[in-house]
N, C-alpha and C. Protein backbone atom coordinates (compact mmCIF):
# COMPACT_ATOMS: atom_id res chain seq x y z
N UNK A 1 110.92 178.35 93.61
CA UNK A 1 111.79 177.40 94.26
C UNK A 1 113.20 177.59 93.72
N UNK A 2 114.16 177.70 94.60
CA UNK A 2 115.55 177.84 94.22
C UNK A 2 116.30 176.59 94.64
N UNK A 3 116.99 175.99 93.70
CA UNK A 3 117.77 174.79 93.99
C UNK A 3 119.24 175.14 93.91
N UNK A 4 120.00 174.74 94.92
CA UNK A 4 121.44 174.94 94.91
C UNK A 4 122.10 173.66 94.43
N UNK A 5 123.05 173.79 93.53
CA UNK A 5 123.76 172.64 92.98
C UNK A 5 125.22 172.69 93.44
N UNK A 6 125.69 171.57 93.98
CA UNK A 6 127.10 171.45 94.37
C UNK A 6 127.70 170.33 93.52
N UNK A 7 128.84 170.60 92.92
CA UNK A 7 129.50 169.63 92.05
C UNK A 7 130.83 169.25 92.67
N UNK A 8 131.07 167.94 92.80
CA UNK A 8 132.35 167.44 93.30
C UNK A 8 133.15 166.94 92.10
N UNK A 9 134.38 167.48 91.98
CA UNK A 9 135.23 167.13 90.84
C UNK A 9 136.56 166.55 91.32
N UNK A 10 137.15 165.75 90.44
CA UNK A 10 138.51 165.25 90.60
C UNK A 10 139.19 165.57 89.29
N UNK A 11 140.11 166.54 89.32
CA UNK A 11 140.72 167.04 88.08
C UNK A 11 139.60 167.64 87.22
N UNK A 12 139.41 167.11 86.03
CA UNK A 12 138.37 167.62 85.13
C UNK A 12 137.15 166.72 85.08
N UNK A 13 137.10 165.70 85.93
CA UNK A 13 135.99 164.75 85.91
C UNK A 13 135.02 165.05 87.04
N UNK A 14 133.74 165.09 86.71
CA UNK A 14 132.71 165.28 87.73
C UNK A 14 132.43 163.92 88.38
N UNK A 15 132.54 163.88 89.71
CA UNK A 15 132.32 162.65 90.45
C UNK A 15 130.89 162.55 90.97
N UNK A 16 130.35 163.68 91.39
CA UNK A 16 129.00 163.67 91.98
C UNK A 16 128.38 165.06 91.86
N UNK A 17 127.06 165.07 91.86
CA UNK A 17 126.30 166.31 91.86
C UNK A 17 125.28 166.19 92.99
N UNK A 18 125.20 167.24 93.82
CA UNK A 18 124.19 167.27 94.89
C UNK A 18 123.30 168.49 94.67
N UNK A 19 122.00 168.24 94.61
CA UNK A 19 121.03 169.32 94.44
C UNK A 19 120.26 169.49 95.75
N UNK A 20 120.42 170.66 96.37
CA UNK A 20 119.66 170.97 97.58
C UNK A 20 118.32 171.56 97.14
N UNK A 21 117.24 170.90 97.56
CA UNK A 21 115.90 171.33 97.19
C UNK A 21 115.36 172.32 98.22
N UNK A 22 115.54 171.98 99.49
CA UNK A 22 115.12 172.86 100.59
C UNK A 22 115.96 172.54 101.81
N UNK A 23 116.03 173.49 102.71
CA UNK A 23 116.78 173.31 103.96
C UNK A 23 115.98 172.45 104.91
N UNK A 24 116.67 171.73 105.77
CA UNK A 24 116.02 170.91 106.78
C UNK A 24 116.97 169.88 107.34
N UNK A 25 116.51 169.17 108.34
CA UNK A 25 117.28 168.13 109.00
C UNK A 25 117.03 166.80 108.28
N UNK A 26 118.08 166.17 107.78
CA UNK A 26 117.94 164.89 107.10
C UNK A 26 117.61 163.80 108.12
N UNK A 27 116.48 163.12 107.91
CA UNK A 27 116.07 162.03 108.78
C UNK A 27 116.40 160.67 108.16
N UNK A 28 116.40 160.62 106.82
CA UNK A 28 116.72 159.36 106.15
C UNK A 28 117.15 159.65 104.71
N UNK A 29 117.88 158.68 104.17
CA UNK A 29 118.30 158.73 102.77
C UNK A 29 117.66 157.55 102.05
N UNK A 30 117.04 157.84 100.91
CA UNK A 30 116.33 156.84 100.13
C UNK A 30 117.09 156.61 98.82
N UNK A 31 117.34 155.35 98.49
CA UNK A 31 117.99 155.03 97.23
C UNK A 31 116.96 155.12 96.11
N UNK A 32 117.24 155.96 95.12
CA UNK A 32 116.33 156.17 94.00
C UNK A 32 116.75 155.30 92.81
N UNK A 33 118.02 155.34 92.46
CA UNK A 33 118.60 154.49 91.42
C UNK A 33 119.74 153.74 92.08
N UNK A 34 119.69 152.43 92.05
CA UNK A 34 120.61 151.58 92.79
C UNK A 34 122.07 151.99 92.59
N UNK A 35 122.70 152.33 93.72
CA UNK A 35 124.11 152.65 93.74
C UNK A 35 124.51 153.96 93.09
N UNK A 36 123.54 154.78 92.67
CA UNK A 36 123.91 155.95 91.90
C UNK A 36 123.15 157.23 92.23
N UNK A 37 121.93 157.13 92.73
CA UNK A 37 121.12 158.33 92.98
C UNK A 37 120.36 158.15 94.29
N UNK A 38 120.52 159.12 95.18
CA UNK A 38 119.93 159.05 96.52
C UNK A 38 119.19 160.35 96.84
N UNK A 39 118.11 160.22 97.60
CA UNK A 39 117.34 161.38 98.02
C UNK A 39 117.36 161.48 99.54
N UNK A 40 117.61 162.68 100.05
CA UNK A 40 117.55 162.94 101.48
C UNK A 40 116.17 163.48 101.80
N UNK A 41 115.57 162.94 102.87
CA UNK A 41 114.23 163.36 103.31
C UNK A 41 114.28 163.84 104.75
N UNK A 42 113.33 164.69 105.11
CA UNK A 42 113.16 165.06 106.51
C UNK A 42 112.25 164.03 107.17
N UNK A 43 111.94 164.22 108.44
CA UNK A 43 111.12 163.27 109.20
C UNK A 43 109.70 163.12 108.64
N UNK A 44 109.24 164.12 107.88
CA UNK A 44 107.89 164.07 107.30
C UNK A 44 107.88 163.53 105.88
N UNK A 45 109.04 163.10 105.37
CA UNK A 45 109.13 162.57 104.02
C UNK A 45 109.28 163.62 102.94
N UNK A 46 109.55 164.87 103.33
CA UNK A 46 109.75 165.94 102.35
C UNK A 46 111.15 165.81 101.75
N UNK A 47 111.25 165.98 100.45
CA UNK A 47 112.52 165.92 99.76
C UNK A 47 113.38 167.13 100.11
N UNK A 48 114.60 166.86 100.59
CA UNK A 48 115.54 167.93 100.94
C UNK A 48 116.64 168.08 99.89
N UNK A 49 117.09 166.96 99.35
CA UNK A 49 118.18 167.02 98.38
C UNK A 49 118.35 165.71 97.65
N UNK A 50 119.10 165.78 96.55
CA UNK A 50 119.33 164.61 95.70
C UNK A 50 120.82 164.54 95.39
N UNK A 51 121.41 163.37 95.63
CA UNK A 51 122.81 163.13 95.29
C UNK A 51 122.87 162.19 94.11
N UNK A 52 123.65 162.56 93.08
CA UNK A 52 123.81 161.76 91.87
C UNK A 52 125.28 161.43 91.69
N UNK A 53 125.62 160.14 91.77
CA UNK A 53 127.02 159.72 91.78
C UNK A 53 127.58 159.40 90.40
N UNK A 54 126.77 159.25 89.42
CA UNK A 54 127.24 159.04 88.05
C UNK A 54 126.59 160.12 87.19
N UNK A 55 127.11 161.34 87.28
CA UNK A 55 126.40 162.47 86.67
C UNK A 55 126.21 162.40 85.17
N UNK A 56 126.88 161.50 84.48
CA UNK A 56 126.66 161.35 83.06
C UNK A 56 125.27 160.82 82.75
N UNK A 57 124.56 160.35 83.78
CA UNK A 57 123.23 159.79 83.60
C UNK A 57 122.15 160.69 84.20
N UNK A 58 122.39 161.99 84.23
CA UNK A 58 121.42 162.91 84.82
C UNK A 58 120.05 162.80 84.18
N UNK A 59 120.02 162.49 82.90
CA UNK A 59 118.73 162.37 82.21
C UNK A 59 117.90 161.20 82.73
N UNK A 60 118.53 160.24 83.41
CA UNK A 60 117.82 159.13 84.03
C UNK A 60 117.35 159.50 85.43
N UNK A 61 118.17 160.26 86.14
CA UNK A 61 117.91 160.54 87.55
C UNK A 61 116.72 161.46 87.78
N UNK A 62 116.59 162.51 86.99
CA UNK A 62 115.51 163.47 87.22
C UNK A 62 114.14 162.79 87.09
N UNK A 63 113.89 162.00 86.05
CA UNK A 63 112.59 161.31 85.99
C UNK A 63 112.40 160.32 87.15
N UNK A 64 113.47 159.66 87.58
CA UNK A 64 113.36 158.72 88.69
C UNK A 64 113.01 159.45 89.98
N UNK A 65 113.63 160.61 90.21
CA UNK A 65 113.30 161.42 91.39
C UNK A 65 111.86 161.89 91.30
N UNK A 66 111.45 162.34 90.11
CA UNK A 66 110.08 162.84 89.92
C UNK A 66 109.05 161.73 90.16
N UNK A 67 109.41 160.50 89.86
CA UNK A 67 108.49 159.39 90.10
C UNK A 67 108.29 159.16 91.60
N UNK A 68 109.36 159.30 92.37
CA UNK A 68 109.28 159.12 93.83
C UNK A 68 108.66 160.33 94.54
N UNK A 69 108.92 161.52 93.98
CA UNK A 69 108.44 162.78 94.59
C UNK A 69 107.70 163.56 93.52
N UNK A 70 106.44 163.22 93.26
CA UNK A 70 105.69 163.83 92.16
C UNK A 70 105.33 165.29 92.42
N UNK A 71 106.30 166.14 92.25
CA UNK A 71 106.13 167.58 92.42
C UNK A 71 106.67 168.24 91.15
N UNK A 72 105.78 168.75 90.34
CA UNK A 72 106.17 169.33 89.06
C UNK A 72 107.19 170.44 89.21
N UNK A 73 107.07 171.24 90.26
CA UNK A 73 108.02 172.33 90.49
C UNK A 73 109.42 171.80 90.77
N UNK A 74 109.51 170.72 91.55
CA UNK A 74 110.81 170.12 91.84
C UNK A 74 111.44 169.61 90.56
N UNK A 75 110.67 168.91 89.74
CA UNK A 75 111.19 168.36 88.49
C UNK A 75 111.67 169.48 87.56
N UNK A 76 110.87 170.53 87.41
CA UNK A 76 111.27 171.67 86.56
C UNK A 76 112.53 172.33 87.08
N UNK A 77 112.58 172.58 88.38
CA UNK A 77 113.74 173.24 88.97
C UNK A 77 114.99 172.38 88.85
N UNK A 78 114.87 171.07 89.07
CA UNK A 78 116.02 170.18 88.91
C UNK A 78 116.53 170.20 87.48
N UNK A 79 115.63 170.11 86.53
CA UNK A 79 116.04 170.13 85.12
C UNK A 79 116.76 171.43 84.77
N UNK A 80 116.22 172.55 85.20
CA UNK A 80 116.85 173.84 84.91
C UNK A 80 118.22 173.96 85.56
N UNK A 81 118.30 173.55 86.83
CA UNK A 81 119.57 173.66 87.55
C UNK A 81 120.63 172.74 86.93
N UNK A 82 120.24 171.54 86.57
CA UNK A 82 121.19 170.58 86.04
C UNK A 82 121.65 170.90 84.62
N UNK A 83 120.88 171.70 83.91
CA UNK A 83 121.31 172.15 82.58
C UNK A 83 122.61 172.94 82.68
N UNK A 84 122.84 173.56 83.83
CA UNK A 84 124.03 174.38 84.02
C UNK A 84 125.25 173.59 84.47
N UNK A 85 125.08 172.30 84.74
CA UNK A 85 126.22 171.46 85.13
C UNK A 85 126.97 171.07 83.88
N UNK A 86 128.23 171.40 83.83
CA UNK A 86 129.06 171.09 82.67
C UNK A 86 129.64 169.68 82.83
N UNK A 87 129.20 168.77 81.99
CA UNK A 87 129.68 167.38 82.08
C UNK A 87 130.81 167.15 81.10
């Protein structure tokens, strides 16, 4: 599984991180952590991507996403990809 990470910055501050898990048409967005972490799903409920708006709390978001989408490969891939995000 390959996850693409997109980082939105303002000057030297990271504002948001978006992790694309797989390609597909977004049917709905699910709030994972109130006001800070959202998951995009397709019509079948498959996880397509995760948006994290307070990236300083990435260590909170990955377990929360894993709780909603219990896929060990997704959790491992998210952790590896996010290790490369410079906060």
